[in-house]
C-alpha atoms as a PDB file:
ATOM      1  CA  MET A   1      96.670 -15.055  68.193  1.00  0.00           C
ATOM      2  CA  ILE A   2      96.503 -11.460  69.320  1.00  0.00           C
ATOM      3  CA  THR A   3      99.759 -10.268  70.865  1.00  0.00           C
ATOM      4  CA  ILE A   4      99.263  -7.096  72.865  1.00  0.00           C
ATOM      5  CA  THR A   5     101.156  -5.945  75.948  1.00  0.00           C
ATOM      6  CA  ASN A   6      99.338  -5.057  79.159  1.00  0.00           C
ATOM      7  CA  LYS A   7     100.231  -1.397  78.644  1.00  0.00           C
ATOM      8  CA  GLN A   8      98.746  -1.539  75.130  1.00  0.00           C
ATOM      9  CA  LYS A   9      95.556  -3.114  76.509  1.00  0.00           C
ATOM     10  CA  ILE A  10      95.244  -0.233  78.961  1.00  0.00           C
ATOM     11  CA  LEU A  11      95.748   2.279  76.135  1.00  0.00           C
ATOM     12  CA  LEU A  12      93.138   0.534  73.974  1.00  0.00           C
ATOM     13  CA  HIS A  13      90.593   0.651  76.806  1.00  0.00           C
ATOM     14  CA  TYR A  14      91.504   4.280  77.513  1.00  0.00           C
ATOM     15  CA  THR A  15      90.888   5.093  73.866  1.00  0.00           C
ATOM     16  CA  LEU A  16      87.430   3.525  73.964  1.00  0.00           C
ATOM     17  CA  LEU A  17      86.489   5.844  76.817  1.00  0.00           C
ATOM     18  CA  HIS A  18      87.309   8.911  74.712  1.00  0.00           C
ATOM     19  CA  LEU A  19      86.165   7.699  71.328  1.00  0.00           C
ATOM     20  CA  ASP A  20      83.237   9.003  69.323  1.00  0.00           C
ATOM     21  CA  GLN A  21      82.463   5.607  67.829  1.00  0.00           C
ATOM     22  CA  GLU A  22      80.173   6.903  65.112  1.00  0.00           C
ATOM     23  CA  GLN A  23      82.794   9.387  63.920  1.00  0.00           C
ATOM     24  CA  VAL A  24      85.559   6.769  63.867  1.00  0.00           C
ATOM     25  CA  GLY A  25      83.434   4.455  61.733  1.00  0.00           C
ATOM     26  CA  LYS A  26      82.499   7.233  59.324  1.00  0.00           C
ATOM     27  CA  ILE A  27      86.010   8.621  58.949  1.00  0.00           C
ATOM     28  CA  PHE A  28      87.451   5.106  58.627  1.00  0.00           C
ATOM     29  CA  TYR A  29      85.179   4.216  55.708  1.00  0.00           C
ATOM     30  CA  ASP A  30      85.619   7.640  54.124  1.00  0.00           C
ATOM     31  CA  HIS A  31      89.363   6.917  53.976  1.00  0.00           C
ATOM     32  CA  VAL A  32      88.986   3.269  52.944  1.00  0.00           C
ATOM     33  CA  LEU A  33      86.687   4.142  50.060  1.00  0.00           C
ATOM     34  CA  VAL A  34      89.071   6.824  48.792  1.00  0.00           C
ATOM     35  CA  VAL A  35      91.949   4.339  48.502  1.00  0.00           C
ATOM     36  CA  MET A  36      89.776   1.338  47.555  1.00  0.00           C
ATOM     37  CA  PRO A  37      86.643   2.714  45.850  1.00  0.00           C
ATOM     38  CA  HIS A  38      85.847  -0.691  44.350  1.00  0.00           C
ATOM     39  CA  PHE A  39      84.904  -1.899  47.848  1.00  0.00           C
ATOM     40  CA  ARG A  40      81.836   0.383  47.891  1.00  0.00           C
ATOM     41  CA  VAL A  41      79.737  -2.266  46.124  1.00  0.00           C
ATOM     42  CA  HIS A  42      80.105  -4.564  49.143  1.00  0.00           C
ATOM     43  CA  PHE A  43      78.306  -2.178  51.490  1.00  0.00           C
ATOM     44  CA  LYS A  44      74.565  -1.833  50.928  1.00  0.00           C
ATOM     45  CA  ASP A  45      74.190   0.173  54.124  1.00  0.00           C
ATOM     46  CA  LEU A  46      77.388   2.084  54.809  1.00  0.00           C
ATOM     47  CA  LYS A  47      76.177   3.458  58.145  1.00  0.00           C
ATOM     48  CA  LEU A  48      75.442  -0.083  59.342  1.00  0.00           C
ATOM     49  CA  GLN A  49      78.875  -1.212  58.152  1.00  0.00           C
ATOM     50  CA  GLN A  50      80.524   1.640  60.043  1.00  0.00           C
ATOM     51  CA  HIS A  51      78.724   0.545  63.201  1.00  0.00           C
ATOM     52  CA  ARG A  52      79.702  -3.116  62.683  1.00  0.00           C
ATOM     53  CA  PHE A  53      83.361  -2.214  62.200  1.00  0.00           C
ATOM     54  CA  VAL A  54      83.577  -0.278  65.455  1.00  0.00           C
ATOM     55  CA  SER A  55      81.492  -2.896  67.304  1.00  0.00           C
ATOM     56  CA  PHE A  56      83.902  -5.653  66.296  1.00  0.00           C
ATOM     57  CA  LEU A  57      86.890  -3.619  67.452  1.00  0.00           C
ATOM     58  CA  ILE A  58      85.189  -3.071  70.804  1.00  0.00           C
ATOM     59  CA  LYS A  59      84.311  -6.780  71.123  1.00  0.00           C
ATOM     60  CA  ILE A  60      87.897  -7.726  70.371  1.00  0.00           C
ATOM     61  CA  ILE A  61      89.295  -5.293  72.924  1.00  0.00           C
ATOM     62  CA  HIS A  62      86.840  -6.482  75.579  1.00  0.00           C
ATOM     63  CA  THR A  63      87.809 -10.139  75.018  1.00  0.00           C
ATOM     64  CA  LEU A  64      91.599  -9.730  74.864  1.00  0.00           C
ATOM     65  CA  ASP A  65      91.937 -11.461  78.241  1.00  0.00           C
ATOM     66  CA  GLU A  66      89.470 -14.228  77.340  1.00  0.00           C
ATOM     67  CA  PRO A  67      91.170 -16.318  74.614  1.00  0.00           C
ATOM     68  CA  GLU A  68      88.201 -18.611  73.939  1.00  0.00           C
ATOM     69  CA  LYS A  69      85.753 -15.736  73.483  1.00  0.00           C
ATOM     70  CA  LEU A  70      88.321 -13.817  71.449  1.00  0.00           C
ATOM     71  CA  GLN A  71      88.741 -16.784  69.119  1.00  0.00           C
ATOM     72  CA  VAL A  72      84.975 -16.912  68.527  1.00  0.00           C
ATOM     73  CA  VAL A  73      84.860 -13.183  67.728  1.00  0.00           C
ATOM     74  CA  LEU A  74      87.817 -13.444  65.329  1.00  0.00           C
ATOM     75  CA  ARG A  75      86.366 -16.512  63.607  1.00  0.00           C
ATOM     76  CA  GLU A  76      83.049 -14.703  63.122  1.00  0.00           C
ATOM     77  CA  LEU A  77      84.844 -11.643  61.764  1.00  0.00           C
ATOM     78  CA  THR A  78      86.847 -13.772  59.331  1.00  0.00           C
ATOM     79  CA  GLN A  79      83.757 -15.641  58.122  1.00  0.00           C
ATOM     80  CA  GLN A  80      81.989 -12.365  57.384  1.00  0.00           C
ATOM     81  CA  HIS A  81      84.873 -11.276  55.155  1.00  0.00           C
ATOM     82  CA  THR A  82      85.779 -14.446  53.229  1.00  0.00           C
ATOM     83  CA  HIS A  83      83.758 -13.381  50.181  1.00  0.00           C
ATOM     84  CA  LEU A  84      85.956 -10.281  49.796  1.00  0.00           C
ATOM     85  CA  SER A  85      89.166 -12.245  49.081  1.00  0.00           C
ATOM     86  CA  LEU A  86      91.151  -9.789  51.174  1.00  0.00           C
ATOM     87  CA  LYS A  87      94.906  -9.584  50.624  1.00  0.00           C
ATOM     88  CA  PRO A  88      97.644  -8.197  52.886  1.00  0.00           C
ATOM     89  CA  ALA A  89      97.643  -4.948  50.864  1.00  0.00           C
ATOM     90  CA  HIS A  90      93.952  -4.434  51.673  1.00  0.00           C
ATOM     91  CA  PHE A  91      94.636  -4.864  55.374  1.00  0.00           C
ATOM     92  CA  ASN A  92      97.540  -2.419  55.182  1.00  0.00           C
ATOM     93  CA  LYS A  93      95.335   0.264  53.636  1.00  0.00           C
ATOM     94  CA  MET A  94      92.565  -0.357  56.143  1.00  0.00           C
ATOM     95  CA  GLY A  95      95.054  -0.245  59.021  1.00  0.00           C
ATOM     96  CA  ASP A  96      96.311   3.120  57.805  1.00  0.00           C
ATOM     97  CA  ALA A  97      92.713   4.356  57.581  1.00  0.00           C
ATOM     98  CA  LEU A  98      92.063   3.235  61.155  1.00  0.00           C
ATOM     99  CA  ILE A  99      95.048   5.166  62.499  1.00  0.00           C
ATOM    100  CA  VAL A 100      94.084   8.308  60.568  1.00  0.00           C
ATOM    101  CA  SER A 101      90.529   7.987  61.910  1.00  0.00           C
ATOM    102  CA  LEU A 102      91.740   7.666  65.485  1.00  0.00           C
ATOM    103  CA  GLU A 103      94.062  10.656  65.096  1.00  0.00           C
ATOM    104  CA  GLU A 104      91.233  12.801  63.741  1.00  0.00           C
ATOM    105  CA  VAL A 105      88.642  11.775  66.310  1.00  0.00           C
ATOM    106  CA  LEU A 106      90.885  11.766  69.395  1.00  0.00           C
ATOM    107  CA  GLY A 107      92.631  15.026  68.529  1.00  0.00           C
ATOM    108  CA  ASP A 108      95.009  16.034  71.317  1.00  0.00           C
ATOM    109  CA  LYS A 109      94.217  12.819  73.244  1.00  0.00           C
ATOM    110  CA  TYR A 110      95.951  10.835  70.483  1.00  0.00           C
ATOM    111  CA  THR A 111      99.552   9.913  71.290  1.00  0.00           C
ATOM    112  CA  PRO A 112     102.204   7.868  69.469  1.00  0.00           C
ATOM    113  CA  GLU A 113     101.778   5.178  72.140  1.00  0.00           C
ATOM    114  CA  ILE A 114      98.049   4.965  71.434  1.00  0.00           C
ATOM    115  CA  GLY A 115      98.825   4.683  67.729  1.00  0.00           C
ATOM    116  CA  ASP A 116     101.309   1.876  68.429  1.00  0.00           C
ATOM    117  CA  ALA A 117      98.741   0.011  70.539  1.00  0.00           C
ATOM    118  CA  TRP A 118      96.109   0.225  67.795  1.00  0.00           C
ATOM    119  CA  ARG A 119      98.632  -0.772  65.121  1.00  0.00           C
ATOM    120  CA  ALA A 120      99.625  -3.811  67.186  1.00  0.00           C
ATOM    121  CA  LEU A 121      95.985  -4.781  67.660  1.00  0.00           C
ATOM    122  CA  TYR A 122      95.076  -4.263  64.020  1.00  0.00           C
ATOM    123  CA  HIS A 123      98.185  -6.089  62.767  1.00  0.00           C
ATOM    124  CA  SER A 124      97.344  -9.058  64.996  1.00  0.00           C
ATOM    125  CA  ILE A 125      93.733  -9.115  63.784  1.00  0.00           C
ATOM    126  CA  ALA A 126      94.898  -9.014  60.163  1.00  0.00           C
ATOM    127  CA  GLU A 127      97.349 -11.865  60.736  1.00  0.00           C
ATOM    128  CA  VAL A 128      94.652 -14.032  62.299  1.00  0.00           C
ATOM    129  CA  MET A 129      92.157 -13.286  59.530  1.00  0.00           C
ATOM    130  CA  LEU A 130      94.671 -13.922  56.746  1.00  0.00           C
ATOM    131  CA  SER A 131      95.716 -17.218  58.336  1.00  0.00           C
ATOM    132  CA  GLN A 132      92.098 -18.433  58.420  1.00  0.00           C
ATOM    133  CA  VAL A 133      91.175 -17.775  54.791  1.00  0.00           C
END
């Protein structure tokens, strides 16, 4: 399950208030496709995929205090990715891309604490997804 402190939850919600969601999705996939170009074939509509990625992150953050709803969101996310045969190394690269994206988009609003909160969230999501495949 997702293990996030209350302070990290506050930082995640704070980040959402200051986030250009479209930019985060674009920069995230720009980075992902540089380090894993073979994944490009899985995305017929990259702009739609960028939107889905950010939407799932938002859904997860908004359901952190509702375990049953969170479980449904994580199960759906996992089911949508089973065909990719994702490995821990893939998640590591995508996690790095997420942090870089947040740093770029948030600029001076980005702090090490915000980075730690997002790493904790992403690491927990990856653990759940890997345990379900």
